[in-house]
């Protein structure tokens, strides 16, 4: 399981599972309404999944591979 809190959102993912948890902490501070499957929140879920992937990758040691030299930093 891995999770991320960002602004008013909380995302939780599970290894080898196609489900997770997504909460709008401003509207639902008790985390009662899981928005993971909500069509209205797909864009938010995608952004948070990318932020989680970036955070996990940042934990890995940087190898300085030549193919990455000069790559843009977004």
Protein backbone atom coordinates (compact mmCIF):
# COMPACT_ATOMS: atom_id res chain seq x y z
CA UNK A 1 0.00 0.00 0.00
CA UNK A 2 1.21 3.48 -0.82
CA UNK A 3 -0.51 6.78 -0.23
CA UNK A 4 -0.23 10.48 -0.88
CA UNK A 5 -1.79 13.58 0.65
CA UNK A 6 -1.77 16.63 -1.58
CA UNK A 7 -3.65 19.81 -0.84
CA UNK A 8 -7.17 18.62 0.12
CA UNK A 9 -6.83 15.16 -1.43
CA UNK A 10 -5.78 11.74 -0.18
CA UNK A 11 -4.93 8.86 -2.53
CA UNK A 12 -4.17 5.28 -1.51
CA UNK A 13 -3.09 2.50 -3.89
CA UNK A 14 -2.62 -1.21 -3.27
CA UNK A 15 -0.05 -3.48 -4.87
CA UNK A 16 -1.45 -5.87 -7.48
CA UNK A 17 -4.97 -4.48 -7.11
CA UNK A 18 -7.03 -2.49 -9.60
CA UNK A 19 -8.74 -0.45 -6.90
CA UNK A 20 -7.71 2.20 -4.45
CA UNK A 21 -9.04 5.05 -2.39
CA UNK A 22 -9.48 8.71 -3.23
CA UNK A 23 -10.87 11.22 -0.76
CA UNK A 24 -11.68 14.91 -0.94
CA UNK A 25 -10.62 15.85 2.58
CA UNK A 26 -12.20 19.29 2.37
CA UNK A 27 -15.66 17.88 1.63
CA UNK A 28 -15.20 14.56 3.45
CA UNK A 29 -12.70 14.91 6.34
CA UNK A 30 -13.80 11.59 7.84
CA UNK A 31 -12.93 9.75 4.59
CA UNK A 32 -16.35 8.15 4.24
CA UNK A 33 -16.92 8.64 0.50
CA UNK A 34 -14.36 6.84 -1.67
CA UNK A 35 -14.17 8.67 -5.01
CA UNK A 36 -11.80 6.17 -6.69
CA UNK A 37 -14.41 5.03 -9.23
CA UNK A 38 -16.06 8.42 -9.66
CA UNK A 39 -16.14 9.54 -13.30
CA UNK A 40 -16.16 13.14 -12.07
CA UNK A 41 -12.78 12.67 -10.37
CA UNK A 42 -10.75 10.84 -13.03
CA UNK A 43 -8.57 13.87 -13.77
CA UNK A 44 -7.79 14.36 -10.08
CA UNK A 45 -6.94 10.68 -9.69
CA UNK A 46 -4.59 10.78 -12.68
CA UNK A 47 -2.79 13.86 -11.33
CA UNK A 48 -2.40 12.27 -7.89
CA UNK A 49 -1.19 8.97 -9.33
CA UNK A 50 1.48 10.89 -11.25
CA UNK A 51 2.48 12.80 -8.12
CA UNK A 52 2.72 9.52 -6.22
CA UNK A 53 4.86 7.97 -8.96
CA UNK A 54 7.13 11.04 -8.95
CA UNK A 55 7.46 10.91 -5.15
CA UNK A 56 8.35 7.21 -5.22
CA UNK A 57 10.87 7.74 -8.03
CA UNK A 58 12.45 10.59 -6.06
CA UNK A 59 13.26 8.08 -3.31
CA UNK A 60 15.42 6.04 -5.69
CA UNK A 61 19.10 6.88 -6.12
CA UNK A 62 19.87 8.87 -9.25
CA UNK A 63 22.19 7.04 -11.60
CA UNK A 64 23.05 9.90 -13.94
CA UNK A 65 22.51 7.77 -17.04
CA UNK A 66 23.73 9.49 -20.24
CA UNK A 67 20.30 9.17 -21.88
CA UNK A 68 18.88 11.41 -19.17
CA UNK A 69 21.52 14.15 -19.47
CA UNK A 70 19.90 17.38 -20.62
CA UNK A 71 16.37 16.02 -20.26
CA UNK A 72 13.88 18.73 -19.35
CA UNK A 73 12.92 19.09 -15.71
CA UNK A 74 9.20 19.82 -15.59
